[in-house]
Structures are given as C-alpha cells and as structure tokens.
Amino acid sequence: MALWRFEIQDNRVIIGNRERQKITATGCNEPFKDRYWCPKRQWFQREACPFASPTECDNFETMCGSV
C-alpha cells in the first residue's frame, strides 16, 4: 500500500490523487516542490539534471558506469 505516487502518463503528471499538465517534454526534471523527478532513477533529486535529453543521460551512464 503506497502513501502516494508520482507518475507520468502521456501529457499528465499524477501526484497522489492530483493531476497536472506535464511541463517538460521528456518527463525529466518535472518539478515537485523543491525537487526534480528523474525517470531513470524513479526518484527525486535536489538539483535539476544537467543533461538535455534522456539520450545524453544514457550516453553518460554508458561511458561512466552510473548516473
């Protein structure tokens, strides 16, 4: 049983029982309070991701071994 969920479906962001329009095209760095959503980690980060696209993130992970 989850307390709440953060989910991206199509052009909607679902936060618990609330919904809003997705702000970013890829779902990366979707803001929630003072954090940013990372779809790869399925968790929030304190700072926005520096990569311009998920492809850049994947390339960095391939070269360095982790994000």
N, C-alpha and C. Protein backbone atom coordinates (compact mmCIF):
# COMPACT_ATOMS: atom_id res chain seq x y z
N MET A 1 0.84 -1.18 0.00
CA MET A 1 0.00 0.00 0.00
C MET A 1 0.89 1.24 0.00
N ALA A 2 0.78 2.05 -1.03
CA ALA A 2 1.59 3.25 -1.16
C ALA A 2 0.92 4.43 -0.45
N LEU A 3 1.73 5.29 0.12
CA LEU A 3 1.19 6.50 0.73
C LEU A 3 0.74 7.49 -0.34
N TRP A 4 1.56 7.63 -1.38
CA TRP A 4 1.22 8.43 -2.55
C TRP A 4 2.10 8.00 -3.69
N ARG A 5 1.76 8.42 -4.90
CA ARG A 5 2.54 8.02 -6.06
C ARG A 5 2.86 9.24 -6.91
N PHE A 6 3.96 9.16 -7.64
CA PHE A 6 4.33 10.16 -8.63
C PHE A 6 4.48 9.41 -9.93
N GLU A 7 3.69 9.79 -10.92
CA GLU A 7 3.63 9.01 -12.16
C GLU A 7 3.42 9.95 -13.33
N ILE A 8 4.02 9.60 -14.48
CA ILE A 8 3.82 10.38 -15.70
C ILE A 8 3.14 9.49 -16.71
N GLN A 9 1.98 9.93 -17.19
CA GLN A 9 1.22 9.21 -18.20
C GLN A 9 0.84 10.18 -19.30
N ASP A 10 1.29 9.90 -20.50
CA ASP A 10 1.04 10.77 -21.65
C ASP A 10 1.50 12.19 -21.33
N ASN A 11 0.59 13.14 -21.33
CA ASN A 11 0.95 14.54 -21.04
C ASN A 11 0.51 14.97 -19.65
N ARG A 12 0.26 14.02 -18.76
CA ARG A 12 -0.21 14.31 -17.41
C ARG A 12 0.78 13.82 -16.38
N VAL A 13 0.93 14.58 -15.31
CA VAL A 13 1.72 14.18 -14.15
C VAL A 13 0.73 13.90 -13.03
N ILE A 14 0.82 12.72 -12.45
CA ILE A 14 -0.09 12.32 -11.39
C ILE A 14 0.69 12.29 -10.08
N ILE A 15 0.25 13.09 -9.13
CA ILE A 15 0.88 13.17 -7.82
C ILE A 15 -0.19 12.83 -6.79
N GLY A 16 -0.12 11.61 -6.28
CA GLY A 16 -1.16 11.16 -5.36
C GLY A 16 -2.49 11.12 -6.08
N ASN A 17 -3.46 11.89 -5.60
CA ASN A 17 -4.76 11.93 -6.27
C ASN A 17 -4.95 13.23 -7.07
N ARG A 18 -3.88 13.97 -7.27
CA ARG A 18 -3.94 15.20 -8.07
C ARG A 18 -3.27 14.97 -9.42
N GLU A 19 -3.69 15.74 -10.41
CA GLU A 19 -3.10 15.67 -11.75
C GLU A 19 -2.81 17.08 -12.23
N ARG A 20 -1.79 17.17 -13.09
CA ARG A 20 -1.48 18.44 -13.74
C ARG A 20 -0.85 18.15 -15.10
N GLN A 21 -0.78 19.17 -15.92
CA GLN A 21 -0.15 19.07 -17.24
C GLN A 21 1.35 18.88 -17.08
N LYS A 22 1.96 18.03 -17.90
CA LYS A 22 3.40 17.82 -17.87
C LYS A 22 4.10 19.08 -18.37
N ILE A 23 5.15 19.53 -17.69
CA ILE A 23 5.87 20.75 -18.05
C ILE A 23 6.98 20.46 -19.06
N THR A 24 7.72 19.37 -18.83
CA THR A 24 8.84 19.04 -19.71
C THR A 24 8.41 18.02 -20.76
N ALA A 25 9.07 18.03 -21.90
CA ALA A 25 8.70 17.13 -22.99
C ALA A 25 9.04 15.67 -22.68
N THR A 26 10.13 15.42 -21.97
CA THR A 26 10.60 14.06 -21.73
C THR A 26 10.19 13.49 -20.39
N GLY A 27 9.73 14.31 -19.48
CA GLY A 27 9.40 13.84 -18.14
C GLY A 27 10.57 14.00 -17.18
N CYS A 28 11.75 14.28 -17.70
CA CYS A 28 12.92 14.53 -16.85
C CYS A 28 12.78 15.91 -16.21
N ASN A 29 13.23 16.02 -14.98
CA ASN A 29 13.22 17.30 -14.26
C ASN A 29 11.84 17.88 -14.03
N GLU A 30 10.83 17.05 -13.96
CA GLU A 30 9.50 17.55 -13.61
C GLU A 30 9.56 18.05 -12.17
N PRO A 31 9.25 19.32 -11.94
CA PRO A 31 9.36 19.86 -10.58
C PRO A 31 8.24 19.36 -9.66
N PHE A 32 8.61 19.15 -8.43
CA PHE A 32 7.65 18.83 -7.36
C PHE A 32 8.20 19.45 -6.10
N LYS A 33 7.55 20.51 -5.65
CA LYS A 33 8.02 21.31 -4.52
C LYS A 33 9.44 21.78 -4.83
N ASP A 34 10.45 21.43 -4.05
CA ASP A 34 11.81 21.90 -4.34
C ASP A 34 12.71 20.79 -4.87
N ARG A 35 12.11 19.77 -5.48
CA ARG A 35 12.85 18.63 -6.03
C ARG A 35 12.52 18.44 -7.51
N TYR A 36 13.32 17.59 -8.18
CA TYR A 36 13.14 17.33 -9.60
C TYR A 36 13.07 15.82 -9.83
N TRP A 37 12.12 15.38 -10.62
CA TRP A 37 11.88 13.97 -10.87
C TRP A 37 12.88 13.43 -11.90
N CYS A 38 13.45 12.27 -11.60
CA CYS A 38 14.34 11.56 -12.52
C CYS A 38 13.66 10.25 -12.90
N PRO A 39 13.18 10.12 -14.15
CA PRO A 39 12.50 8.90 -14.55
C PRO A 39 13.42 7.67 -14.55
N LYS A 40 14.70 7.86 -14.78
CA LYS A 40 15.64 6.74 -14.79
C LYS A 40 15.77 6.15 -13.39
N ARG A 41 15.92 6.98 -12.39
CA ARG A 41 16.05 6.52 -11.01
C ARG A 41 14.70 6.27 -10.34
N GLN A 42 13.64 6.80 -10.94
CA GLN A 42 12.31 6.73 -10.35
C GLN A 42 12.31 7.36 -8.96
N TRP A 43 12.99 8.51 -8.85
CA TRP A 43 13.07 9.21 -7.58
C TRP A 43 13.36 10.68 -7.83
N PHE A 44 13.37 11.47 -6.76
CA PHE A 44 13.59 12.91 -6.86
C PHE A 44 15.04 13.27 -6.56
N GLN A 45 15.51 14.34 -7.20
CA GLN A 45 16.85 14.87 -6.98
C GLN A 45 16.73 16.29 -6.45
N ARG A 46 17.75 16.72 -5.75
CA ARG A 46 17.74 18.09 -5.22
C ARG A 46 17.96 19.13 -6.31
N GLU A 47 18.78 18.78 -7.29
CA GLU A 47 19.10 19.71 -8.37
C GLU A 47 18.60 19.15 -9.70
N ALA A 48 18.31 20.05 -10.62
CA ALA A 48 17.86 19.61 -11.93
C ALA A 48 18.98 18.87 -12.65
N CYS A 49 18.62 17.90 -13.44
CA CYS A 49 19.58 17.10 -14.20
C CYS A 49 20.27 18.00 -15.24
N PRO A 50 21.58 17.88 -15.41
CA PRO A 50 22.28 18.73 -16.36
C PRO A 50 22.15 18.27 -17.82
N PHE A 51 21.59 17.09 -18.06
CA PHE A 51 21.52 16.56 -19.42
C PHE A 51 20.32 17.14 -20.15
N ALA A 52 20.49 17.38 -21.46
CA ALA A 52 19.44 17.98 -22.28
C ALA A 52 18.39 16.97 -22.71
N SER A 53 18.74 15.68 -22.68
CA SER A 53 17.81 14.65 -23.11
C SER A 53 18.12 13.32 -22.43
N PRO A 54 17.18 12.39 -22.44
CA PRO A 54 17.46 11.07 -21.87
C PRO A 54 18.60 10.35 -22.60
N THR A 55 18.79 10.65 -23.89
CA THR A 55 19.88 10.04 -24.65
C THR A 55 21.23 10.46 -24.09
N GLU A 56 21.39 11.74 -23.75
CA GLU A 56 22.63 12.21 -23.13
C GLU A 56 22.88 11.50 -21.81
N CYS A 57 21.83 11.32 -21.03
CA CYS A 57 21.93 10.62 -19.76
C CYS A 57 22.39 9.18 -19.98
N ASP A 58 21.79 8.50 -20.95
CA ASP A 58 22.18 7.12 -21.27
C ASP A 58 23.62 7.04 -21.74
N ASN A 59 24.04 7.99 -22.58
CA ASN A 59 25.41 8.00 -23.06
C ASN A 59 26.40 8.21 -21.89
N PHE A 60 26.08 9.11 -20.99
CA PHE A 60 26.94 9.36 -19.84
C PHE A 60 27.04 8.11 -18.98
N GLU A 61 25.91 7.44 -18.75
CA GLU A 61 25.90 6.23 -17.96
C GLU A 61 26.73 5.12 -18.62
N THR A 62 26.65 5.02 -19.94
CA THR A 62 27.43 4.01 -20.67
C THR A 62 28.91 4.28 -20.54
N MET A 63 29.31 5.54 -20.62
CA MET A 63 30.73 5.90 -20.55
C MET A 63 31.28 5.81 -19.13
N CYS A 64 30.48 6.21 -18.15
CA CYS A 64 30.98 6.32 -16.77
C CYS A 64 30.52 5.19 -15.83
N GLY A 65 29.50 4.49 -16.21
CA GLY A 65 29.05 3.37 -15.39
C GLY A 65 27.89 3.66 -14.47
N SER A 66 27.61 4.93 -14.18
CA SER A 66 26.47 5.27 -13.33
C SER A 66 26.08 6.71 -13.50
N VAL A 67 24.91 7.02 -13.01
CA VAL A 67 24.42 8.40 -13.05
C VAL A 67 24.41 8.93 -11.65
